């Protein structure tokens, strides 16, 4: 029974942190690798597979929250106010995900072998926080892009290029893309919307490929553990996305950056103290 509680806790952590600019990787290290230690009863490979499964719960939450926009991208839904010649479409998304997608594939083995450590996460948390503070400080007083339908293809590519920073564990994908979008003239809400939409193909693709590689490691006896984690990740991601989209326009990025710096300091004390 306690194992199911662990699965629910990890699902909650995943759901709450995956889309906020605070690094879900850093939080997973604290909660799982340092505390719950699911690898002790699942095995290290199965524990990693579990983390992939609960990420899929978070992705499903994005689909539920943003289903209208996602359907409009593929021409199955019309959002009021859109025009045929001036609207956010599938090409924006493809352009946005190409840089990190290509670089991620090229560096996948290197990142897995050399960058997944507590030390690199601490660095990523701290530098990512500084980047977020800079973004807020130098944000446009009057953003040029206040809706996804105003986003240009060049801006989509530029945000996608900045997203490559998130390949460093702890930097945070949403932290890098929202900050980059703000520096490029997007308001905070539009940058967050674009970040979440890009997350669907990126996370679904990466998680799907990883799951195909490791699905044989899932023990049928542990199925309830996986289901509990998936469901809790979905529920809490659903709540956190809705809350975050309302919050980001009001408080901006600095409060999240301060939290990241505190988290980095706590991790450093735990590891090096």
C-alpha atoms as a PDB file:
ATOM      1  CA  UNK A   1       0.000   0.000   0.000  1.00  0.00           C
ATOM      2  CA  UNK A   2       2.835   2.401   0.827  1.00  0.00           C
ATOM      3  CA  UNK A   3       4.189   1.873  -2.695  1.00  0.00           C
ATOM      4  CA  UNK A   4       0.889   3.215  -4.127  1.00  0.00           C
ATOM      5  CA  UNK A   5       1.218   6.267  -1.865  1.00  0.00           C
ATOM      6  CA  UNK A   6       4.714   6.800  -3.283  1.00  0.00           C
ATOM      7  CA  UNK A   7       3.315   6.622  -6.813  1.00  0.00           C
ATOM      8  CA  UNK A   8       0.642   9.197  -5.974  1.00  0.00           C
ATOM      9  CA  UNK A   9       3.212  11.529  -4.388  1.00  0.00           C
ATOM     10  CA  UNK A  10       5.477  11.330  -7.426  1.00  0.00           C
ATOM     11  CA  UNK A  11       2.492  11.911  -9.719  1.00  0.00           C
ATOM     12  CA  UNK A  12       1.626  15.018  -7.725  1.00  0.00           C
ATOM     13  CA  UNK A  13       5.207  16.297  -7.973  1.00  0.00           C
ATOM     14  CA  UNK A  14       5.270  15.660 -11.721  1.00  0.00           C
ATOM     15  CA  UNK A  15       1.889  17.282 -12.296  1.00  0.00           C
ATOM     16  CA  UNK A  16       2.656  20.382 -10.234  1.00  0.00           C
ATOM     17  CA  UNK A  17       6.158  21.030 -11.607  1.00  0.00           C
ATOM     18  CA  UNK A  18       6.190  19.856 -15.241  1.00  0.00           C
ATOM     19  CA  UNK A  19       4.746  23.056 -16.693  1.00  0.00           C
ATOM     20  CA  UNK A  20       5.750  25.632 -14.096  1.00  0.00           C
ATOM     21  CA  UNK A  21       9.208  27.178 -14.721  1.00  0.00           C
ATOM     22  CA  UNK A  22      10.763  25.464 -11.701  1.00  0.00           C
ATOM     23  CA  UNK A  23      12.273  22.259 -13.191  1.00  0.00           C
ATOM     24  CA  UNK A  24      10.431  19.003 -12.673  1.00  0.00           C
ATOM     25  CA  UNK A  25      13.804  17.208 -12.931  1.00  0.00           C
ATOM     26  CA  UNK A  26      15.135  18.985  -9.857  1.00  0.00           C
ATOM     27  CA  UNK A  27      12.015  18.177  -7.881  1.00  0.00           C
ATOM     28  CA  UNK A  28      12.057  14.520  -8.916  1.00  0.00           C
ATOM     29  CA  UNK A  29      15.637  14.223  -7.707  1.00  0.00           C
ATOM     30  CA  UNK A  30      14.704  15.651  -4.320  1.00  0.00           C
ATOM     31  CA  UNK A  31      11.494  13.678  -3.858  1.00  0.00           C
ATOM     32  CA  UNK A  32      12.386  10.351  -5.458  1.00  0.00           C
ATOM     33  CA  UNK A  33      16.152   9.920  -5.673  1.00  0.00           C
ATOM     34  CA  UNK A  34      16.739  11.457  -2.230  1.00  0.00           C
ATOM     35  CA  UNK A  35      13.587  10.448  -0.355  1.00  0.00           C
ATOM     36  CA  UNK A  36      11.133   7.901  -1.772  1.00  0.00           C
ATOM     37  CA  UNK A  37      13.753   5.872  -3.684  1.00  0.00           C
ATOM     38  CA  UNK A  38      11.348   3.960  -5.918  1.00  0.00           C
ATOM     39  CA  UNK A  39      14.359   2.385  -7.624  1.00  0.00           C
ATOM     40  CA  UNK A  40      14.873   0.284  -4.489  1.00  0.00           C
ATOM     41  CA  UNK A  41      11.733  -1.785  -5.141  1.00  0.00           C
ATOM     42  CA  UNK A  42      11.158  -1.189  -8.870  1.00  0.00           C
ATOM     43  CA  UNK A  43      14.769  -1.315 -10.004  1.00  0.00           C
ATOM     44  CA  UNK A  44      16.508   1.648 -11.631  1.00  0.00           C
ATOM     45  CA  UNK A  45      15.267   0.898 -15.171  1.00  0.00           C
ATOM     46  CA  UNK A  46      11.645   0.412 -14.113  1.00  0.00           C
ATOM     47  CA  UNK A  47      11.788   3.541 -11.951  1.00  0.00           C
ATOM     48  CA  UNK A  48      12.843   5.558 -15.010  1.00  0.00           C
ATOM     49  CA  UNK A  49      10.054   3.952 -17.046  1.00  0.00           C
ATOM     50  CA  UNK A  50       7.577   4.958 -14.353  1.00  0.00           C
ATOM     51  CA  UNK A  51       8.680   8.587 -14.687  1.00  0.00           C
ATOM     52  CA  UNK A  52       8.012   8.372 -18.421  1.00  0.00           C
ATOM     53  CA  UNK A  53       4.515   7.001 -17.809  1.00  0.00           C
ATOM     54  CA  UNK A  54       3.531   9.779 -15.403  1.00  0.00           C
ATOM     55  CA  UNK A  55       4.799  12.383 -17.884  1.00  0.00           C
ATOM     56  CA  UNK A  56       2.161  11.083 -20.285  1.00  0.00           C
ATOM     57  CA  UNK A  57      -0.437  11.965 -17.642  1.00  0.00           C
ATOM     58  CA  UNK A  58       0.824  15.553 -17.664  1.00  0.00           C
ATOM     59  CA  UNK A  59       0.660  15.665 -21.459  1.00  0.00           C
ATOM     60  CA  UNK A  60      -2.954  14.487 -21.393  1.00  0.00           C
ATOM     61  CA  UNK A  61      -3.743  17.391 -19.049  1.00  0.00           C
ATOM     62  CA  UNK A  62      -2.452  19.890 -21.634  1.00  0.00           C
ATOM     63  CA  UNK A  63      -4.644  18.295 -24.290  1.00  0.00           C
ATOM     64  CA  UNK A  64      -7.700  18.608 -22.040  1.00  0.00           C
ATOM     65  CA  UNK A  65      -7.008  22.261 -21.139  1.00  0.00           C
ATOM     66  CA  UNK A  66      -6.067  23.436 -24.628  1.00  0.00           C
ATOM     67  CA  UNK A  67      -8.187  21.163 -26.818  1.00  0.00           C
ATOM     68  CA  UNK A  68      -9.798  24.015 -28.752  1.00  0.00           C
ATOM     69  CA  UNK A  69      -6.476  25.542 -29.730  1.00  0.00           C
ATOM     70  CA  UNK A  70      -4.985  22.139 -30.562  1.00  0.00           C
ATOM     71  CA  UNK A  71      -7.929  21.269 -32.809  1.00  0.00           C
ATOM     72  CA  UNK A  72      -7.743  24.678 -34.488  1.00  0.00           C
ATOM     73  CA  UNK A  73      -4.090  24.043 -35.357  1.00  0.00           C
ATOM     74  CA  UNK A  74      -5.076  21.066 -37.493  1.00  0.00           C
ATOM     75  CA  UNK A  75      -8.141  22.815 -38.936  1.00  0.00           C
ATOM     76  CA  UNK A  76     -10.795  20.950 -36.951  1.00  0.00           C
ATOM     77  CA  UNK A  77     -12.024  23.897 -34.896  1.00  0.00           C
ATOM     78  CA  UNK A  78     -12.434  27.615 -35.580  1.00  0.00           C
ATOM     79  CA  UNK A  79     -11.569  30.062 -32.821  1.00  0.00           C
ATOM     80  CA  UNK A  80     -13.614  33.245 -32.938  1.00  0.00           C
ATOM     81  CA  UNK A  81     -11.621  36.191 -34.265  1.00  0.00           C
ATOM     82  CA  UNK A  82      -9.166  34.145 -36.313  1.00  0.00           C
ATOM     83  CA  UNK A  83      -8.691  34.883 -39.994  1.00  0.00           C
ATOM     84  CA  UNK A  84      -7.380  32.474 -42.606  1.00  0.00           C
ATOM     85  CA  UNK A  85      -4.364  34.639 -43.376  1.00  0.00           C
ATOM     86  CA  UNK A  86      -3.421  35.512 -39.821  1.00  0.00           C
ATOM     87  CA  UNK A  87      -3.653  32.701 -37.339  1.00  0.00           C
ATOM     88  CA  UNK A  88      -1.530  30.366 -35.314  1.00  0.00           C
ATOM     89  CA  UNK A  89      -1.123  27.057 -37.135  1.00  0.00           C
ATOM     90  CA  UNK A  90       0.697  23.745 -37.234  1.00  0.00           C
ATOM     91  CA  UNK A  91       3.726  25.251 -38.987  1.00  0.00           C
ATOM     92  CA  UNK A  92       4.378  27.516 -35.986  1.00  0.00           C
ATOM     93  CA  UNK A  93       4.510  24.441 -33.759  1.00  0.00           C
ATOM     94  CA  UNK A  94       6.739  22.447 -36.114  1.00  0.00           C
ATOM     95  CA  UNK A  95       9.164  25.337 -36.482  1.00  0.00           C
ATOM     96  CA  UNK A  96       9.219  25.772 -32.723  1.00  0.00           C
ATOM     97  CA  UNK A  97      10.019  22.152 -31.862  1.00  0.00           C
ATOM     98  CA  UNK A  98      12.640  21.467 -34.553  1.00  0.00           C
ATOM     99  CA  UNK A  99      15.721  23.059 -32.885  1.00  0.00           C
ATOM    100  CA  UNK A 100      15.413  21.279 -29.519  1.00  0.00           C
ATOM    101  CA  UNK A 101      14.126  18.117 -31.192  1.00  0.00           C
ATOM    102  CA  UNK A 102      17.127  17.805 -33.517  1.00  0.00           C
ATOM    103  CA  UNK A 103      19.690  18.821 -30.899  1.00  0.00           C
ATOM    104  CA  UNK A 104      18.065  16.519 -28.337  1.00  0.00           C
ATOM    105  CA  UNK A 105      18.359  13.528 -30.650  1.00  0.00           C
ATOM    106  CA  UNK A 106      22.000  14.328 -31.431  1.00  0.00           C
ATOM    107  CA  UNK A 107      22.968  14.792 -27.788  1.00  0.00           C
ATOM    108  CA  UNK A 108      20.617  12.248 -26.167  1.00  0.00           C
ATOM    109  CA  UNK A 109      23.303   9.745 -25.159  1.00  0.00           C
ATOM    110  CA  UNK A 110      25.718  12.435 -23.998  1.00  0.00           C
ATOM    111  CA  UNK A 111      23.050  14.112 -21.856  1.00  0.00           C
ATOM    112  CA  UNK A 112      21.973  10.799 -20.308  1.00  0.00           C
ATOM    113  CA  UNK A 113      25.548   9.755 -19.555  1.00  0.00           C
ATOM    114  CA  UNK A 114      27.099  13.035 -18.421  1.00  0.00           C
ATOM    115  CA  UNK A 115      24.486  15.623 -17.452  1.00  0.00           C
ATOM    116  CA  UNK A 116      21.945  13.791 -15.303  1.00  0.00           C
ATOM    117  CA  UNK A 117      23.462  14.489 -11.908  1.00  0.00           C
ATOM    118  CA  UNK A 118      22.513  16.549  -8.900  1.00  0.00           C
ATOM    119  CA  UNK A 119      25.423  18.918  -9.596  1.00  0.00           C
ATOM    120  CA  UNK A 120      24.242  19.768 -13.111  1.00  0.00           C
ATOM    121  CA  UNK A 121      20.662  20.225 -11.885  1.00  0.00           C
ATOM    122  CA  UNK A 122      21.838  22.743  -9.275  1.00  0.00           C
ATOM    123  CA  UNK A 123      23.676  24.691 -11.990  1.00  0.00           C
ATOM    124  CA  UNK A 124      20.634  24.537 -14.275  1.00  0.00           C
ATOM    125  CA  UNK A 125      18.278  25.747 -11.550  1.00  0.00           C
ATOM    126  CA  UNK A 126      20.498  28.722 -10.706  1.00  0.00           C
ATOM    127  CA  UNK A 127      21.409  29.854 -14.228  1.00  0.00           C
ATOM    128  CA  UNK A 128      17.831  29.334 -15.401  1.00  0.00           C
ATOM    129  CA  UNK A 129      16.622  31.553 -12.546  1.00  0.00           C
ATOM    130  CA  UNK A 130      19.023  34.328 -13.583  1.00  0.00           C
ATOM    131  CA  UNK A 131      17.754  34.055 -17.169  1.00  0.00           C
ATOM    132  CA  UNK A 132      14.162  34.417 -15.942  1.00  0.00           C
ATOM    133  CA  UNK A 133      15.035  37.516 -13.893  1.00  0.00           C
ATOM    134  CA  UNK A 134      16.762  39.057 -16.927  1.00  0.00           C
ATOM    135  CA  UNK A 135      13.697  38.296 -19.062  1.00  0.00           C
ATOM    136  CA  UNK A 136      11.376  40.113 -16.657  1.00  0.00           C
ATOM    137  CA  UNK A 137      13.777  43.055 -16.264  1.00  0.00           C
ATOM    138  CA  UNK A 138      14.128  43.584 -20.005  1.00  0.00           C
ATOM    139  CA  UNK A 139      10.581  42.596 -20.997  1.00  0.00           C
ATOM    140  CA  UNK A 140       8.885  44.896 -23.483  1.00  0.00           C
ATOM    141  CA  UNK A 141       6.707  47.478 -21.729  1.00  0.00           C
ATOM    142  CA  UNK A 142       4.201  47.008 -24.550  1.00  0.00           C
ATOM    143  CA  UNK A 143       4.516  43.438 -25.836  1.00  0.00           C
ATOM    144  CA  UNK A 144       4.219  43.141 -29.614  1.00  0.00           C
ATOM    145  CA  UNK A 145       2.557  39.728 -29.393  1.00  0.00           C
ATOM    146  CA  UNK A 146      -0.467  39.436 -27.109  1.00  0.00           C
ATOM    147  CA  UNK A 147      -2.087  36.438 -28.810  1.00  0.00           C
ATOM    148  CA  UNK A 148      -0.817  33.277 -30.462  1.00  0.00           C
ATOM    149  CA  UNK A 149      -2.447  34.503 -33.664  1.00  0.00           C
ATOM    150  CA  UNK A 150       0.040  37.404 -33.726  1.00  0.00           C
ATOM    151  CA  UNK A 151       3.071  35.106 -33.476  1.00  0.00           C
ATOM    152  CA  UNK A 152       5.340  35.127 -36.552  1.00  0.00           C
ATOM    153  CA  UNK A 153       7.194  32.118 -37.910  1.00  0.00           C
ATOM    154  CA  UNK A 154      10.519  33.794 -37.114  1.00  0.00           C
ATOM    155  CA  UNK A 155       9.500  34.310 -33.486  1.00  0.00           C
ATOM    156  CA  UNK A 156       8.390  30.679 -33.271  1.00  0.00           C
ATOM    157  CA  UNK A 157      11.828  29.609 -34.532  1.00  0.00           C
ATOM    158  CA  UNK A 158      13.619  31.945 -32.123  1.00  0.00           C
ATOM    159  CA  UNK A 159      11.651  30.665 -29.118  1.00  0.00           C
ATOM    160  CA  UNK A 160      12.334  27.111 -30.312  1.00  0.00           C
ATOM    161  CA  UNK A 161      16.061  27.842 -30.487  1.00  0.00           C
ATOM    162  CA  UNK A 162      16.052  29.234 -26.936  1.00  0.00           C
ATOM    163  CA  UNK A 163      14.244  26.075 -25.836  1.00  0.00           C
ATOM    164  CA  UNK A 164      17.496  24.200 -26.505  1.00  0.00           C
ATOM    165  CA  UNK A 165      18.749  25.581 -23.180  1.00  0.00           C
ATOM    166  CA  UNK A 166      16.310  23.220 -21.463  1.00  0.00           C
ATOM    167  CA  UNK A 167      18.343  20.222 -22.634  1.00  0.00           C
ATOM    168  CA  UNK A 168      20.529  21.011 -19.641  1.00  0.00           C
ATOM    169  CA  UNK A 169      18.799  19.234 -16.716  1.00  0.00           C
ATOM    170  CA  UNK A 170      17.357  21.683 -14.227  1.00  0.00           C
ATOM    171  CA  UNK A 171      17.141  24.611 -16.633  1.00  0.00           C
ATOM    172  CA  UNK A 172      13.419  23.965 -17.256  1.00  0.00           C
ATOM    173  CA  UNK A 173      11.740  23.820 -20.629  1.00  0.00           C
ATOM    174  CA  UNK A 174       8.933  26.191 -19.683  1.00  0.00           C
ATOM    175  CA  UNK A 175      11.396  28.492 -17.920  1.00  0.00           C
ATOM    176  CA  UNK A 176      13.547  28.807 -21.027  1.00  0.00           C
ATOM    177  CA  UNK A 177      10.723  29.205 -23.550  1.00  0.00           C
ATOM    178  CA  UNK A 178       8.593  31.631 -21.536  1.00  0.00           C
ATOM    179  CA  UNK A 179      11.652  33.756 -20.731  1.00  0.00           C
ATOM    180  CA  UNK A 180      12.797  33.647 -24.350  1.00  0.00           C
ATOM    181  CA  UNK A 181       9.337  34.540 -25.590  1.00  0.00           C
ATOM    182  CA  UNK A 182       9.116  37.518 -23.223  1.00  0.00           C
ATOM    183  CA  UNK A 183      12.498  38.817 -24.414  1.00  0.00           C
ATOM    184  CA  UNK A 184      11.293  38.493 -28.022  1.00  0.00           C
ATOM    185  CA  UNK A 185       8.184  40.611 -27.377  1.00  0.00           C
ATOM    186  CA  UNK A 186       5.524  38.081 -26.362  1.00  0.00           C
ATOM    187  CA  UNK A 187       3.464  38.803 -23.287  1.00  0.00           C
ATOM    188  CA  UNK A 188       3.780  36.255 -20.484  1.00  0.00           C
ATOM    189  CA  UNK A 189       0.452  34.527 -21.153  1.00  0.00           C
ATOM    190  CA  UNK A 190       1.106  34.093 -24.886  1.00  0.00           C
ATOM    191  CA  UNK A 191       4.610  32.769 -24.202  1.00  0.00           C
ATOM    192  CA  UNK A 192       3.119  30.276 -21.733  1.00  0.00           C
ATOM    193  CA  UNK A 193       0.421  29.211 -24.211  1.00  0.00           C
ATOM    194  CA  UNK A 194       3.054  28.568 -26.895  1.00  0.00           C
ATOM    195  CA  UNK A 195       5.207  26.667 -24.404  1.00  0.00           C
ATOM    196  CA  UNK A 196       2.373  24.342 -23.394  1.00  0.00           C
ATOM    197  CA  UNK A 197       1.309  23.665 -26.983  1.00  0.00           C
ATOM    198  CA  UNK A 198       4.878  22.835 -28.028  1.00  0.00           C
ATOM    199  CA  UNK A 199       5.084  20.516 -25.024  1.00  0.00           C
ATOM    200  CA  UNK A 200       2.481  18.140 -26.461  1.00  0.00           C
ATOM    201  CA  UNK A 201       4.463  16.844 -29.489  1.00  0.00           C
ATOM    202  CA  UNK A 202       7.847  17.192 -27.749  1.00  0.00           C
ATOM    203  CA  UNK A 203       6.910  15.326 -24.585  1.00  0.00           C
ATOM    204  CA  UNK A 204       4.628  12.842 -26.319  1.00  0.00           C
ATOM    205  CA  UNK A 205       7.353  12.012 -28.841  1.00  0.00           C
ATOM    206  CA  UNK A 206      10.159  11.725 -26.299  1.00  0.00           C
ATOM    207  CA  UNK A 207       8.048   9.802 -23.788  1.00  0.00           C
ATOM    208  CA  UNK A 208       6.577   7.568 -26.471  1.00  0.00           C
ATOM    209  CA  UNK A 209      10.004   6.601 -27.861  1.00  0.00           C
ATOM    210  CA  UNK A 210      11.365   5.948 -24.383  1.00  0.00           C
ATOM    211  CA  UNK A 211       8.340   3.856 -23.492  1.00  0.00           C
ATOM    212  CA  UNK A 212       8.728   1.768 -26.649  1.00  0.00           C
ATOM    213  CA  UNK A 213      12.338   1.076 -25.670  1.00  0.00           C
ATOM    214  CA  UNK A 214      11.564   0.147 -22.089  1.00  0.00           C
ATOM    215  CA  UNK A 215       7.978  -1.137 -21.993  1.00  0.00           C
ATOM    216  CA  UNK A 216       9.205  -4.697 -21.379  1.00  0.00           C
ATOM    217  CA  UNK A 217      10.586  -3.528 -18.053  1.00  0.00           C
ATOM    218  CA  UNK A 218       7.061  -2.875 -16.751  1.00  0.00           C
ATOM    219  CA  UNK A 219       6.127  -5.665 -14.367  1.00  0.00           C
ATOM    220  CA  UNK A 220       2.390  -6.519 -14.548  1.00  0.00           C
ATOM    221  CA  UNK A 221       2.426  -6.817 -10.754  1.00  0.00           C
ATOM    222  CA  UNK A 222       3.323  -3.110 -10.561  1.00  0.00           C
ATOM    223  CA  UNK A 223       0.485  -1.986 -12.858  1.00  0.00           C
ATOM    224  CA  UNK A 224      -1.499  -0.324 -10.059  1.00  0.00           C
ATOM    225  CA  UNK A 225       1.629   1.636  -9.150  1.00  0.00           C
ATOM    226  CA  UNK A 226       1.863   3.000 -12.716  1.00  0.00           C
ATOM    227  CA  UNK A 227      -1.859   3.742 -12.913  1.00  0.00           C
ATOM    228  CA  UNK A 228      -1.851   5.615  -9.596  1.00  0.00           C
ATOM    229  CA  UNK A 229       1.090   7.760 -10.709  1.00  0.00           C
ATOM    230  CA  UNK A 230      -0.431   8.459 -14.115  1.00  0.00           C
ATOM    231  CA  UNK A 231      -3.811   9.496 -12.688  1.00  0.00           C
ATOM    232  CA  UNK A 232      -2.359  11.735  -9.974  1.00  0.00           C
ATOM    233  CA  UNK A 233       0.005  13.384 -12.498  1.00  0.00           C
ATOM    234  CA  UNK A 234      -2.945  14.058 -14.813  1.00  0.00           C
ATOM    235  CA  UNK A 235      -5.161  15.542 -12.089  1.00  0.00           C
ATOM    236  CA  UNK A 236      -2.517  17.796 -10.585  1.00  0.00           C
ATOM    237  CA  UNK A 237      -1.135  18.874 -13.966  1.00  0.00           C
ATOM    238  CA  UNK A 238      -4.690  19.822 -14.937  1.00  0.00           C
ATOM    239  CA  UNK A 239      -5.039  21.977 -11.824  1.00  0.00           C
ATOM    240  CA  UNK A 240      -1.568  23.502 -12.064  1.00  0.00           C
ATOM    241  CA  UNK A 241      -1.870  24.447 -15.754  1.00  0.00           C
ATOM    242  CA  UNK A 242      -5.150  26.285 -15.205  1.00  0.00           C
ATOM    243  CA  UNK A 243      -3.774  28.019 -12.119  1.00  0.00           C
ATOM    244  CA  UNK A 244      -0.451  28.899 -13.763  1.00  0.00           C
ATOM    245  CA  UNK A 245      -2.054  30.431 -16.875  1.00  0.00           C
ATOM    246  CA  UNK A 246      -4.094  32.742 -14.651  1.00  0.00           C
ATOM    247  CA  UNK A 247      -1.124  33.540 -12.412  1.00  0.00           C
ATOM    248  CA  UNK A 248       1.685  34.174 -14.913  1.00  0.00           C
ATOM    249  CA  UNK A 249       0.244  37.443 -16.262  1.00  0.00           C
ATOM    250  CA  UNK A 250       0.040  38.883 -12.748  1.00  0.00           C
ATOM    251  CA  UNK A 251       3.227  37.807 -10.986  1.00  0.00           C
ATOM    252  CA  UNK A 252       5.503  37.275 -14.030  1.00  0.00           C
ATOM    253  CA  UNK A 253       8.692  35.179 -13.652  1.00  0.00           C
ATOM    254  CA  UNK A 254      10.710  36.660 -10.785  1.00  0.00           C
ATOM    255  CA  UNK A 255       8.860  34.840  -7.937  1.00  0.00           C
ATOM    256  CA  UNK A 256       9.508  31.517  -9.684  1.00  0.00           C
ATOM    257  CA  UNK A 257      13.166  32.509 -10.169  1.00  0.00           C
ATOM    258  CA  UNK A 258      13.562  33.262  -6.461  1.00  0.00           C
ATOM    259  CA  UNK A 259      12.040  29.879  -5.614  1.00  0.00           C
ATOM    260  CA  UNK A 260      14.519  28.193  -7.991  1.00  0.00           C
ATOM    261  CA  UNK A 261      17.484  29.924  -6.358  1.00  0.00           C
ATOM    262  CA  UNK A 262      16.302  28.829  -2.910  1.00  0.00           C
ATOM    263  CA  UNK A 263      15.823  25.274  -4.215  1.00  0.00           C
ATOM    264  CA  UNK A 264      19.326  25.270  -5.725  1.00  0.00           C
ATOM    265  CA  UNK A 265      20.795  26.425  -2.404  1.00  0.00           C
ATOM    266  CA  UNK A 266      18.878  23.729  -0.484  1.00  0.00           C
ATOM    267  CA  UNK A 267      20.086  21.050  -2.907  1.00  0.00           C
ATOM    268  CA  UNK A 268      23.668  22.300  -2.654  1.00  0.00           C
ATOM    269  CA  UNK A 269      23.513  22.166   1.165  1.00  0.00           C
ATOM    270  CA  UNK A 270      22.095  18.630   1.082  1.00  0.00           C
ATOM    271  CA  UNK A 271      24.712  17.394  -1.360  1.00  0.00           C
ATOM    272  CA  UNK A 272      27.816  19.318  -0.336  1.00  0.00           C
ATOM    273  CA  UNK A 273      27.012  20.302   3.246  1.00  0.00           C
END
